[in-house]
């Protein structure tokens, strides 16, 4: 298999999808994000926070800088199971899953970073 075929095959591979949580273990505040590529989302969140910024939640970035990385856990909260249809669009399912977790955890104000 040549490089071009490998890239084509990789793009067809469905990545793990679901909800990623960043939890401050000192005060239990959380940030939630839905993603069609959870490993990529986790890497992106960690990279941005280590760089000292996180545009979706400046409060999270500030706490990360003040408390340090050791005060946070970045983890998969829920995973969306893939369906057999390769053309299936998961965006609505991810939005619904995210809405469910936002309603359940209510990560707003002093309870979260939203």
PDB file of N, CA and C in Angstrom:
ATOM      1  N   UNK A   1       0.861  -1.172   0.000  1.00  0.00           N
ATOM      2  CA  UNK A   1       0.000   0.000   0.000  1.00  0.00           C
ATOM      3  C   UNK A   1       0.908   1.236   0.000  1.00  0.00           C
ATOM      4  N   UNK A   2       0.668   2.133  -0.954  1.00  0.00           N
ATOM      5  CA  UNK A   2       1.485   3.345  -1.009  1.00  0.00           C
ATOM      6  C   UNK A   2       0.912   4.426  -0.100  1.00  0.00           C
ATOM      7  N   UNK A   3       1.635   5.510   0.004  1.00  0.00           N
ATOM      8  CA  UNK A   3       1.264   6.597   0.920  1.00  0.00           C
ATOM      9  C   UNK A   3      -0.112   7.171   0.603  1.00  0.00           C
ATOM     10  N   UNK A   4      -0.395   7.397  -0.675  1.00  0.00           N
ATOM     11  CA  UNK A   4      -1.678   7.964  -1.090  1.00  0.00           C
ATOM     12  C   UNK A   4      -2.841   7.047  -0.687  1.00  0.00           C
ATOM     13  N   UNK A   5      -2.680   5.753  -0.880  1.00  0.00           N
ATOM     14  CA  UNK A   5      -3.716   4.792  -0.504  1.00  0.00           C
ATOM     15  C   UNK A   5      -3.904   4.745   1.009  1.00  0.00           C
ATOM     16  N   UNK A   6      -2.790   4.855   1.737  1.00  0.00           N
ATOM     17  CA  UNK A   6      -2.875   4.859   3.200  1.00  0.00           C
ATOM     18  C   UNK A   6      -3.648   6.073   3.691  1.00  0.00           C
ATOM     19  N   UNK A   7      -3.411   7.234   3.120  1.00  0.00           N
ATOM     20  CA  UNK A   7      -4.123   8.455   3.500  1.00  0.00           C
ATOM     21  C   UNK A   7      -5.604   8.311   3.180  1.00  0.00           C
ATOM     22  N   UNK A   8      -5.910   7.787   2.011  1.00  0.00           N
ATOM     23  CA  UNK A   8      -7.302   7.580   1.608  1.00  0.00           C
ATOM     24  C   UNK A   8      -8.019   6.636   2.582  1.00  0.00           C
ATOM     25  N   UNK A   9      -7.341   5.569   2.965  1.00  0.00           N
ATOM     26  CA  UNK A   9      -7.913   4.598   3.904  1.00  0.00           C
ATOM     27  C   UNK A   9      -8.122   5.234   5.285  1.00  0.00           C
ATOM     28  N   UNK A  10      -7.157   6.033   5.734  1.00  0.00           N
ATOM     29  CA  UNK A  10      -7.271   6.699   7.024  1.00  0.00           C
ATOM     30  C   UNK A  10      -8.474   7.635   7.054  1.00  0.00           C
ATOM     31  N   UNK A  11      -8.681   8.383   5.980  1.00  0.00           N
ATOM     32  CA  UNK A  11      -9.796   9.327   5.917  1.00  0.00           C
ATOM     33  C   UNK A  11     -11.147   8.621   5.968  1.00  0.00           C
ATOM     34  N   UNK A  12     -11.199   7.372   5.538  1.00  0.00           N
ATOM     35  CA  UNK A  12     -12.436   6.601   5.601  1.00  0.00           C
ATOM     36  C   UNK A  12     -12.698   6.045   7.000  1.00  0.00           C
ATOM     37  N   UNK A  13     -11.670   5.980   7.828  1.00  0.00           N
ATOM     38  CA  UNK A  13     -11.784   5.419   9.164  1.00  0.00           C
ATOM     39  C   UNK A  13     -12.580   6.367  10.066  1.00  0.00           C
ATOM     40  N   UNK A  14     -13.557   5.827  10.731  1.00  0.00           N
ATOM     41  CA  UNK A  14     -14.361   6.626  11.657  1.00  0.00           C
ATOM     42  C   UNK A  14     -13.595   6.752  12.971  1.00  0.00           C
ATOM     43  N   UNK A  15     -13.385   7.981  13.388  1.00  0.00           N
ATOM     44  CA  UNK A  15     -12.693   8.262  14.645  1.00  0.00           C
ATOM     45  C   UNK A  15     -13.681   8.151  15.807  1.00  0.00           C
ATOM     46  N   UNK A  16     -13.188   7.891  17.017  1.00  0.00           N
ATOM     47  CA  UNK A  16     -14.085   7.878  18.183  1.00  0.00           C
ATOM     48  C   UNK A  16     -14.751   9.241  18.344  1.00  0.00           C
ATOM     49  N   UNK A  17     -16.073   9.230  18.516  1.00  0.00           N
ATOM     50  CA  UNK A  17     -16.864  10.455  18.639  1.00  0.00           C
ATOM     51  C   UNK A  17     -17.554  10.486  19.991  1.00  0.00           C
ATOM     52  N   UNK A  18     -17.791  11.693  20.494  1.00  0.00           N
ATOM     53  CA  UNK A  18     -18.528  11.811  21.738  1.00  0.00           C
ATOM     54  C   UNK A  18     -18.245  13.099  22.467  1.00  0.00           C
ATOM     55  N   UNK A  19     -18.291  13.012  23.788  1.00  0.00           N
ATOM     56  CA  UNK A  19     -18.158  14.176  24.657  1.00  0.00           C
ATOM     57  C   UNK A  19     -16.841  14.105  25.419  1.00  0.00           C
ATOM     58  N   UNK A  20     -16.090  15.193  25.351  1.00  0.00           N
ATOM     59  CA  UNK A  20     -14.835  15.339  26.081  1.00  0.00           C
ATOM     60  C   UNK A  20     -15.086  16.297  27.238  1.00  0.00           C
ATOM     61  N   UNK A  21     -14.534  15.961  28.397  1.00  0.00           N
ATOM     62  CA  UNK A  21     -14.689  16.800  29.588  1.00  0.00           C
ATOM     63  C   UNK A  21     -13.315  17.231  30.093  1.00  0.00           C
ATOM     64  N   UNK A  22     -13.213  18.516  30.429  1.00  0.00           N
ATOM     65  CA  UNK A  22     -12.037  19.019  31.140  1.00  0.00           C
ATOM     66  C   UNK A  22     -12.550  19.361  32.532  1.00  0.00           C
ATOM     67  N   UNK A  23     -12.011  18.669  33.533  1.00  0.00           N
ATOM     68  CA  UNK A  23     -12.506  18.855  34.896  1.00  0.00           C
ATOM     69  C   UNK A  23     -11.404  19.389  35.795  1.00  0.00           C
ATOM     70  N   UNK A  24     -11.735  20.468  36.495  1.00  0.00           N
ATOM     71  CA  UNK A  24     -10.846  21.040  37.496  1.00  0.00           C
ATOM     72  C   UNK A  24     -11.065  20.221  38.766  1.00  0.00           C
ATOM     73  N   UNK A  25     -10.068  19.463  39.189  1.00  0.00           N
ATOM     74  CA  UNK A  25     -10.252  18.564  40.325  1.00  0.00           C
ATOM     75  C   UNK A  25     -10.169  19.290  41.667  1.00  0.00           C
ATOM     76  N   UNK A  26      -9.806  20.562  41.644  1.00  0.00           N
ATOM     77  CA  UNK A  26      -9.789  21.334  42.896  1.00  0.00           C
ATOM     78  C   UNK A  26     -11.158  21.887  43.248  1.00  0.00           C
ATOM     79  N   UNK A  27     -11.910  22.329  42.235  1.00  0.00           N
ATOM     80  CA  UNK A  27     -13.207  22.931  42.536  1.00  0.00           C
ATOM     81  C   UNK A  27     -14.365  22.287  41.763  1.00  0.00           C
ATOM     82  N   UNK A  28     -14.076  21.221  41.011  1.00  0.00           N
ATOM     83  CA  UNK A  28     -15.069  20.438  40.263  1.00  0.00           C
ATOM     84  C   UNK A  28     -15.763  21.196  39.124  1.00  0.00           C
ATOM     85  N   UNK A  29     -15.226  22.337  38.702  1.00  0.00           N
ATOM     86  CA  UNK A  29     -15.774  23.028  37.533  1.00  0.00           C
ATOM     87  C   UNK A  29     -15.408  22.224  36.296  1.00  0.00           C
ATOM     88  N   UNK A  30     -16.316  22.192  35.311  1.00  0.00           N
ATOM     89  CA  UNK A  30     -16.076  21.398  34.109  1.00  0.00           C
ATOM     90  C   UNK A  30     -16.331  22.205  32.840  1.00  0.00           C
ATOM     91  N   UNK A  31     -15.678  21.755  31.786  1.00  0.00           N
ATOM     92  CA  UNK A  31     -15.921  22.251  30.438  1.00  0.00           C
ATOM     93  C   UNK A  31     -16.216  21.030  29.584  1.00  0.00           C
ATOM     94  N   UNK A  32     -17.286  21.082  28.788  1.00  0.00           N
ATOM     95  CA  UNK A  32     -17.674  19.970  27.928  1.00  0.00           C
ATOM     96  C   UNK A  32     -17.576  20.378  26.465  1.00  0.00           C
ATOM     97  N   UNK A  33     -17.203  19.426  25.615  1.00  0.00           N
ATOM     98  CA  UNK A  33     -17.166  19.666  24.174  1.00  0.00           C
ATOM     99  C   UNK A  33     -17.535  18.390  23.437  1.00  0.00           C
ATOM    100  N   UNK A  34     -18.379  18.536  22.418  1.00  0.00           N
ATOM    101  CA  UNK A  34     -18.713  17.411  21.552  1.00  0.00           C
ATOM    102  C   UNK A  34     -17.704  17.378  20.426  1.00  0.00           C
ATOM    103  N   UNK A  35     -17.324  16.180  20.012  1.00  0.00           N
ATOM    104  CA  UNK A  35     -16.328  16.067  18.954  1.00  0.00           C
ATOM    105  C   UNK A  35     -16.551  14.821  18.102  1.00  0.00           C
ATOM    106  N   UNK A  36     -16.336  14.986  16.797  1.00  0.00           N
ATOM    107  CA  UNK A  36     -16.377  13.854  15.880  1.00  0.00           C
ATOM    108  C   UNK A  36     -15.018  13.155  15.831  1.00  0.00           C
ATOM    109  N   UNK A  37     -14.055  13.705  16.556  1.00  0.00           N
ATOM    110  CA  UNK A  37     -12.711  13.122  16.641  1.00  0.00           C
ATOM    111  C   UNK A  37     -12.170  13.415  18.040  1.00  0.00           C
ATOM    112  N   UNK A  38     -12.562  12.587  18.989  1.00  0.00           N
ATOM    113  CA  UNK A  38     -12.186  12.854  20.387  1.00  0.00           C
ATOM    114  C   UNK A  38     -10.678  12.881  20.626  1.00  0.00           C
ATOM    115  N   UNK A  39      -9.887  11.955  20.089  1.00  0.00           N
ATOM    116  CA  UNK A  39      -8.437  12.062  20.326  1.00  0.00           C
ATOM    117  C   UNK A  39      -7.866  13.389  19.821  1.00  0.00           C
ATOM    118  N   UNK A  40      -8.343  13.829  18.655  1.00  0.00           N
ATOM    119  CA  UNK A  40      -7.899  15.109  18.114  1.00  0.00           C
ATOM    120  C   UNK A  40      -8.342  16.271  18.984  1.00  0.00           C
ATOM    121  N   UNK A  41      -9.572  16.210  19.494  1.00  0.00           N
ATOM    122  CA  UNK A  41     -10.095  17.271  20.360  1.00  0.00           C
ATOM    123  C   UNK A  41      -9.299  17.336  21.660  1.00  0.00           C
ATOM    124  N   UNK A  42      -9.001  16.199  22.241  1.00  0.00           N
ATOM    125  CA  UNK A  42      -8.228  16.169  23.481  1.00  0.00           C
ATOM    126  C   UNK A  42      -6.850  16.782  23.250  1.00  0.00           C
ATOM    127  N   UNK A  43      -6.195  16.406  22.153  1.00  0.00           N
ATOM    128  CA  UNK A  43      -4.885  16.985  21.840  1.00  0.00           C
ATOM    129  C   UNK A  43      -4.980  18.487  21.636  1.00  0.00           C
ATOM    130  N   UNK A  44      -6.009  18.944  20.949  1.00  0.00           N
ATOM    131  CA  UNK A  44      -6.194  20.370  20.689  1.00  0.00           C
ATOM    132  C   UNK A  44      -6.413  21.147  21.985  1.00  0.00           C
ATOM    133  N   UNK A  45      -7.269  20.638  22.852  1.00  0.00           N
ATOM    134  CA  UNK A  45      -7.540  21.310  24.126  1.00  0.00           C
ATOM    135  C   UNK A  45      -6.267  21.412  24.953  1.00  0.00           C
ATOM    136  N   UNK A  46      -5.559  20.310  25.089  1.00  0.00           N
ATOM    137  CA  UNK A  46      -4.316  20.319  25.879  1.00  0.00           C
ATOM    138  C   UNK A  46      -3.289  21.282  25.289  1.00  0.00           C
ATOM    139  N   UNK A  47      -3.134  21.261  23.972  1.00  0.00           N
ATOM    140  CA  UNK A  47      -2.173  22.142  23.325  1.00  0.00           C
ATOM    141  C   UNK A  47      -2.518  23.602  23.589  1.00  0.00           C
ATOM    142  N   UNK A  48      -3.777  23.972  23.377  1.00  0.00           N
ATOM    143  CA  UNK A  48      -4.191  25.361  23.582  1.00  0.00           C
ATOM    144  C   UNK A  48      -3.977  25.797  25.034  1.00  0.00           C
ATOM    145  N   UNK A  49      -4.367  24.952  25.966  1.00  0.00           N
ATOM    146  CA  UNK A  49      -4.215  25.306  27.373  1.00  0.00           C
ATOM    147  C   UNK A  49      -2.746  25.406  27.762  1.00  0.00           C
ATOM    148  N   UNK A  50      -1.911  24.525  27.241  1.00  0.00           N
ATOM    149  CA  UNK A  50      -0.475  24.603  27.527  1.00  0.00           C
ATOM    150  C   UNK A  50       0.153  25.851  26.922  1.00  0.00           C
ATOM    151  N   UNK A  51      -0.445  26.350  25.843  1.00  0.00           N
ATOM    152  CA  UNK A  51       0.043  27.582  25.224  1.00  0.00           C
ATOM    153  C   UNK A  51      -0.466  28.813  25.979  1.00  0.00           C
ATOM    154  N   UNK A  52      -1.358  28.602  26.932  1.00  0.00           N
ATOM    155  CA  UNK A  52      -1.832  29.691  27.776  1.00  0.00           C
ATOM    156  C   UNK A  52      -3.118  30.344  27.326  1.00  0.00           C
ATOM    157  N   UNK A  53      -3.790  29.759  26.360  1.00  0.00           N
ATOM    158  CA  UNK A  53      -5.036  30.346  25.880  1.00  0.00           C
ATOM    159  C   UNK A  53      -6.027  29.243  25.525  1.00  0.00           C
ATOM    160  N   UNK A  54      -7.299  29.565  25.593  1.00  0.00           N
ATOM    161  CA  UNK A  54      -8.336  28.646  25.165  1.00  0.00           C
ATOM    162  C   UNK A  54      -9.547  29.499  24.833  1.00  0.00           C
ATOM    163  N   UNK A  55      -9.691  29.845  23.558  1.00  0.00           N
ATOM    164  CA  UNK A  55     -10.713  30.790  23.133  1.00  0.00           C
ATOM    165  C   UNK A  55     -12.141  30.418  23.523  1.00  0.00           C
ATOM    166  N   UNK A  56     -12.530  29.133  23.473  1.00  0.00           N
ATOM    167  CA  UNK A  56     -13.905  28.822  23.882  1.00  0.00           C
ATOM    168  C   UNK A  56     -14.198  29.139  25.353  1.00  0.00           C
ATOM    169  N   UNK A  57     -13.161  29.188  26.199  1.00  0.00           N
ATOM    170  CA  UNK A  57     -13.383  29.452  27.622  1.00  0.00           C
ATOM    171  C   UNK A  57     -12.145  30.102  28.248  1.00  0.00           C
ATOM    172  N   UNK A  58     -12.067  31.428  28.191  1.00  0.00           N
ATOM    173  CA  UNK A  58     -10.927  32.118  28.817  1.00  0.00           C
ATOM    174  C   UNK A  58     -10.800  31.830  30.317  1.00  0.00           C
ATOM    175  N   UNK A  59     -11.920  31.594  30.995  1.00  0.00           N
ATOM    176  CA  UNK A  59     -11.882  31.269  32.425  1.00  0.00           C
ATOM    177  C   UNK A  59     -11.152  29.969  32.693  1.00  0.00           C
ATOM    178  N   UNK A  60     -11.356  28.993  31.834  1.00  0.00           N
ATOM    179  CA  UNK A  60     -10.651  27.723  31.949  1.00  0.00           C
ATOM    180  C   UNK A  60      -9.160  27.937  31.745  1.00  0.00           C
ATOM    181  N   UNK A  61      -8.797  28.722  30.739  1.00  0.00           N
ATOM    182  CA  UNK A  61      -7.379  28.999  30.477  1.00  0.00           C
ATOM    183  C   UNK A  61      -6.731  29.707  31.669  1.00  0.00           C
ATOM    184  N   UNK A  62      -7.454  30.630  32.279  1.00  0.00           N
ATOM    185  CA  UNK A  62      -6.915  31.348  33.435  1.00  0.00           C
ATOM    186  C   UNK A  62      -6.692  30.406  34.616  1.00  0.00           C
ATOM    187  N   UNK A  63      -7.669  29.555  34.904  1.00  0.00           N
ATOM    188  CA  UNK A  63      -7.509  28.596  36.000  1.00  0.00           C
ATOM    189  C   UNK A  63      -6.372  27.621  35.707  1.00  0.00           C
ATOM    190  N   UNK A  64      -6.221  27.204  34.458  1.00  0.00           N
ATOM    191  CA  UNK A  64      -5.148  26.288  34.054  1.00  0.00           C
ATOM    192  C   UNK A  64      -3.795  26.942  34.342  1.00  0.00           C
ATOM    193  N   UNK A  65      -3.666  28.225  33.986  1.00  0.00           N
ATOM    194  CA  UNK A  65      -2.405  28.944  34.218  1.00  0.00           C
ATOM    195  C   UNK A  65      -2.129  29.099  35.714  1.00  0.00           C
ATOM    196  N   UNK A  66      -3.166  29.434  36.477  1.00  0.00           N
ATOM    197  CA  UNK A  66      -2.999  29.690  37.911  1.00  0.00           C
ATOM    198  C   UNK A  66      -2.798  28.406  38.727  1.00  0.00           C
ATOM    199  N   UNK A  67      -3.552  27.357  38.414  1.00  0.00           N
ATOM    200  CA  UNK A  67      -3.529  26.139  39.218  1.00  0.00           C
ATOM    201  C   UNK A  67      -2.586  25.068  38.682  1.00  0.00           C
ATOM    202  N   UNK A  68      -2.251  25.151  37.408  1.00  0.00           N
ATOM    203  CA  UNK A  68      -1.359  24.177  36.801  1.00  0.00           C
ATOM    204  C   UNK A  68      -2.099  22.991  36.214  1.00  0.00           C
ATOM    205  N   UNK A  69      -1.456  22.355  35.267  1.00  0.00           N
ATOM    206  CA  UNK A  69      -2.037  21.220  34.551  1.00  0.00           C
ATOM    207  C   UNK A  69      -2.421  20.072  35.489  1.00  0.00           C
ATOM    208  N   UNK A  70      -1.669  19.891  36.565  1.00  0.00           N
ATOM    209  CA  UNK A  70      -1.934  18.790  37.500  1.00  0.00           C
ATOM    210  C   UNK A  70      -3.288  18.924  38.200  1.00  0.00           C
ATOM    211  N   UNK A  71      -3.911  20.095  38.119  1.00  0.00           N
ATOM    212  CA  UNK A  71      -5.214  20.309  38.751  1.00  0.00           C
ATOM    213  C   UNK A  71      -6.379  19.971  37.832  1.00  0.00           C
ATOM    214  N   UNK A  72      -6.090  19.431  36.647  1.00  0.00           N
ATOM    215  CA  UNK A  72      -7.133  19.158  35.663  1.00  0.00           C
ATOM    216  C   UNK A  72      -7.038  17.739  35.122  1.00  0.00           C
ATOM    217  N   UNK A  73      -8.199  17.219  34.748  1.00  0.00           N
ATOM    218  CA  UNK A  73      -8.291  15.916  34.086  1.00  0.00           C
ATOM    219  C   UNK A  73      -9.034  16.157  32.772  1.00  0.00           C
ATOM    220  N   UNK A  74      -8.448  15.698  31.676  1.00  0.00           N
ATOM    221  CA  UNK A  74      -9.102  15.761  30.372  1.00  0.00           C
ATOM    222  C   UNK A  74      -9.468  14.327  30.025  1.00  0.00           C
ATOM    223  N   UNK A  75     -10.770  14.067  29.845  1.00  0.00           N
ATOM    224  CA  UNK A  75     -11.209  12.690  29.676  1.00  0.00           C
ATOM    225  C   UNK A  75     -12.430  12.581  28.773  1.00  0.00           C
ATOM    226  N   UNK A  76     -12.658  11.373  28.307  1.00  0.00           N
ATOM    227  CA  UNK A  76     -13.852  11.060  27.529  1.00  0.00           C
ATOM    228  C   UNK A  76     -14.991  10.830  28.513  1.00  0.00           C
ATOM    229  N   UNK A  77     -16.065  11.562  28.327  1.00  0.00           N
ATOM    230  CA  UNK A  77     -17.212  11.444  29.209  1.00  0.00           C
ATOM    231  C   UNK A  77     -18.245  10.464  28.649  1.00  0.00           C
ATOM    232  N   UNK A  78     -18.431  10.497  27.330  1.00  0.00           N
ATOM    233  CA  UNK A  78     -19.422   9.629  26.695  1.00  0.00           C
ATOM    234  C   UNK A  78     -19.003   9.418  25.242  1.00  0.00           C
ATOM    235  N   UNK A  79     -19.267   8.240  24.716  1.00  0.00           N
ATOM    236  CA  UNK A  79     -18.880   7.921  23.344  1.00  0.00           C
ATOM    237  C   UNK A  79     -20.106   7.588  22.512  1.00  0.00           C
ATOM    238  N   UNK A  80     -20.117   8.091  21.300  1.00  0.00           N
ATOM    239  CA  UNK A  80     -21.197   7.832  20.355  1.00  0.00           C
ATOM    240  C   UNK A  80     -20.811   6.628  19.504  1.00  0.00           C
ATOM    241  N   UNK A  81     -21.668   5.644  19.450  1.00  0.00           N
ATOM    242  CA  UNK A  81     -21.388   4.433  18.676  1.00  0.00           C
ATOM    243  C   UNK A  81     -21.641   4.686  17.192  1.00  0.00           C
ATOM    244  N   UNK A  82     -20.705   4.272  16.333  1.00  0.00           N
ATOM    245  CA  UNK A  82     -20.903   4.470  14.895  1.00  0.00           C
ATOM    246  C   UNK A  82     -21.989   3.547  14.349  1.00  0.00           C
ATOM    247  N   UNK A  83     -22.613   3.992  13.258  1.00  0.00           N
ATOM    248  CA  UNK A  83     -23.623   3.180  12.582  1.00  0.00           C
ATOM    249  C   UNK A  83     -22.996   2.561  11.330  1.00  0.00           C
ATOM    250  N   UNK A  84     -23.696   1.624  10.701  1.00  0.00           N
ATOM    251  CA  UNK A  84     -23.155   0.906   9.548  1.00  0.00           C
ATOM    252  C   UNK A  84     -23.114   1.737   8.262  1.00  0.00           C
ATOM    253  N   UNK A  85     -23.872   2.818   8.199  1.00  0.00           N
ATOM    254  CA  UNK A  85     -23.943   3.646   6.994  1.00  0.00           C
ATOM    255  C   UNK A  85     -22.749   4.606   6.935  1.00  0.00           C
ATOM    256  N   UNK A  86     -21.831   4.423   5.969  1.00  0.00           N
ATOM    257  CA  UNK A  86     -20.649   5.291   5.894  1.00  0.00           C
ATOM    258  C   UNK A  86     -20.985   6.745   5.561  1.00  0.00           C
ATOM    259  N   UNK A  87     -22.162   7.011   5.008  1.00  0.00           N
ATOM    260  CA  UNK A  87     -22.557   8.374   4.648  1.00  0.00           C
ATOM    261  C   UNK A  87     -23.343   9.068   5.776  1.00  0.00           C
ATOM    262  N   UNK A  88     -23.524   8.388   6.880  1.00  0.00           N
ATOM    263  CA  UNK A  88     -24.324   8.939   7.982  1.00  0.00           C
ATOM    264  C   UNK A  88     -23.676  10.195   8.547  1.00  0.00           C
ATOM    265  N   UNK A  89     -24.489  11.215   8.803  1.00  0.00           N
ATOM    266  CA  UNK A  89     -24.017  12.480   9.365  1.00  0.00           C
ATOM    267  C   UNK A  89     -24.283  12.478  10.877  1.00  0.00           C
ATOM    268  N   UNK A  90     -23.220  12.524  11.642  1.00  0.00           N
ATOM    269  CA  UNK A  90     -23.311  12.410  13.101  1.00  0.00           C
ATOM    270  C   UNK A  90     -23.517  13.742  13.811  1.00  0.00           C
ATOM    271  N   UNK A  91     -23.527  14.848  13.087  1.00  0.00           N
ATOM    272  CA  UNK A  91     -23.575  16.171  13.737  1.00  0.00           C
ATOM    273  C   UNK A  91     -24.781  16.342  14.653  1.00  0.00           C
ATOM    274  N   UNK A  92     -25.962  15.964  14.197  1.00  0.00           N
ATOM    275  CA  UNK A  92     -27.157  16.113  15.038  1.00  0.00           C
ATOM    276  C   UNK A  92     -27.090  15.217  16.269  1.00  0.00           C
ATOM    277  N   UNK A  93     -26.562  14.016  16.109  1.00  0.00           N
ATOM    278  CA  UNK A  93     -26.420  13.094  17.242  1.00  0.00           C
ATOM    279  C   UNK A  93     -25.449  13.665  18.273  1.00  0.00           C
ATOM    280  N   UNK A  94     -24.352  14.247  17.793  1.00  0.00           N
ATOM    281  CA  UNK A  94     -23.376  14.846  18.708  1.00  0.00           C
ATOM    282  C   UNK A  94     -23.964  16.051  19.433  1.00  0.00           C
ATOM    283  N   UNK A  95     -24.741  16.872  18.727  1.00  0.00           N
ATOM    284  CA  UNK A  95     -25.382  18.025  19.362  1.00  0.00           C
ATOM    285  C   UNK A  95     -26.358  17.576  20.442  1.00  0.00           C
ATOM    286  N   UNK A  96     -27.129  16.529  20.151  1.00  0.00           N
ATOM    287  CA  UNK A  96     -28.094  16.012  21.128  1.00  0.00           C
ATOM    288  C   UNK A  96     -27.372  15.438  22.346  1.00  0.00           C
ATOM    289  N   UNK A  97     -26.284  14.711  22.113  1.00  0.00           N
ATOM    290  CA  UNK A  97     -25.518  14.141  23.219  1.00  0.00           C
ATOM    291  C   UNK A  97     -24.909  15.248  24.079  1.00  0.00           C
ATOM    292  N   UNK A  98     -24.389  16.279  23.424  1.00  0.00           N
ATOM    293  CA  UNK A  98     -23.824  17.408  24.160  1.00  0.00           C
ATOM    294  C   UNK A  98     -24.907  18.121  24.971  1.00  0.00           C
ATOM    295  N   UNK A  99     -26.074  18.335  24.375  1.00  0.00           N
ATOM    296  CA  UNK A  99     -27.182  18.986  25.092  1.00  0.00           C
ATOM    297  C   UNK A  99     -27.599  18.177  26.312  1.00  0.00           C
ATOM    298  N   UNK A 100     -27.615  16.850  26.174  1.00  0.00           N
ATOM    299  CA  UNK A 100     -27.970  15.978  27.296  1.00  0.00           C
ATOM    300  C   UNK A 100     -26.982  16.162  28.456  1.00  0.00           C
ATOM    301  N   UNK A 101     -25.668  16.169  28.140  1.00  0.00           N
ATOM    302  CA  UNK A 101     -24.657  16.313  29.184  1.00  0.00           C
ATOM    303  C   UNK A 101     -24.634  17.725  29.768  1.00  0.00           C
ATOM    304  N   UNK A 102     -24.899  18.725  28.946  1.00  0.00           N
ATOM    305  CA  UNK A 102     -24.982  20.095  29.473  1.00  0.00           C
ATOM    306  C   UNK A 102     -26.152  20.213  30.447  1.00  0.00           C
ATOM    307  N   UNK A 103     -27.265  19.587  30.096  1.00  0.00           N
ATOM    308  CA  UNK A 103     -28.434  19.608  30.987  1.00  0.00           C
ATOM    309  C   UNK A 103     -28.153  18.833  32.278  1.00  0.00           C
ATOM    310  N   UNK A 104     -27.465  17.715  32.159  1.00  0.00           N
ATOM    311  CA  UNK A 104     -27.183  16.869  33.325  1.00  0.00           C
ATOM    312  C   UNK A 104     -26.188  17.527  34.285  1.00  0.00           C
ATOM    313  N   UNK A 105     -25.086  18.070  33.751  1.00  0.00           N
ATOM    314  CA  UNK A 105     -24.022  18.609  34.602  1.00  0.00           C
ATOM    315  C   UNK A 105     -24.153  20.100  34.887  1.00  0.00           C
ATOM    316  N   UNK A 106     -24.888  20.812  34.030  1.00  0.00           N
ATOM    317  CA  UNK A 106     -25.081  22.258  34.185  1.00  0.00           C
ATOM    318  C   UNK A 106     -23.757  22.988  34.481  1.00  0.00           C
ATOM    319  N   UNK A 107     -22.799  22.917  33.536  1.00  0.00           N
ATOM    320  CA  UNK A 107     -21.493  23.517  33.763  1.00  0.00           C
ATOM    321  C   UNK A 107     -21.447  25.020  33.484  1.00  0.00           C
ATOM    322  N   UNK A 108     -22.315  25.759  34.155  1.00  0.00           N
ATOM    323  CA  UNK A 108     -22.426  27.200  33.929  1.00  0.00           C
ATOM    324  C   UNK A 108     -22.114  27.939  35.219  1.00  0.00           C
ATOM    325  N   UNK A 109     -21.661  29.171  35.083  1.00  0.00           N
ATOM    326  CA  UNK A 109     -21.366  29.991  36.263  1.00  0.00           C
ATOM    327  C   UNK A 109     -20.284  29.351  37.116  1.00  0.00           C
ATOM    328  N   UNK A 110     -20.554  29.243  38.406  1.00  0.00           N
ATOM    329  CA  UNK A 110     -19.554  28.717  39.331  1.00  0.00           C
ATOM    330  C   UNK A 110     -19.369  27.205  39.214  1.00  0.00           C
ATOM    331  N   UNK A 111     -20.222  26.529  38.456  1.00  0.00           N
ATOM    332  CA  UNK A 111     -20.128  25.066  38.300  1.00  0.00           C
ATOM    333  C   UNK A 111     -19.356  24.640  37.050  1.00  0.00           C
ATOM    334  N   UNK A 112     -19.030  25.604  36.205  1.00  0.00           N
ATOM    335  CA  UNK A 112     -18.363  25.226  34.971  1.00  0.00           C
ATOM    336  C   UNK A 112     -17.708  26.382  34.263  1.00  0.00           C
ATOM    337  N   UNK A 113     -17.283  26.101  33.059  1.00  0.00           N
ATOM    338  CA  UNK A 113     -16.555  27.075  32.245  1.00  0.00           C
ATOM    339  C   UNK A 113     -17.319  27.473  30.991  1.00  0.00           C
ATOM    340  N   UNK A 114     -18.629  27.272  30.975  1.00  0.00           N
ATOM    341  CA  UNK A 114     -19.424  27.646  29.802  1.00  0.00           C
ATOM    342  C   UNK A 114     -20.059  28.997  30.005  1.00  0.00           C
TER     343      UNK A 114
END
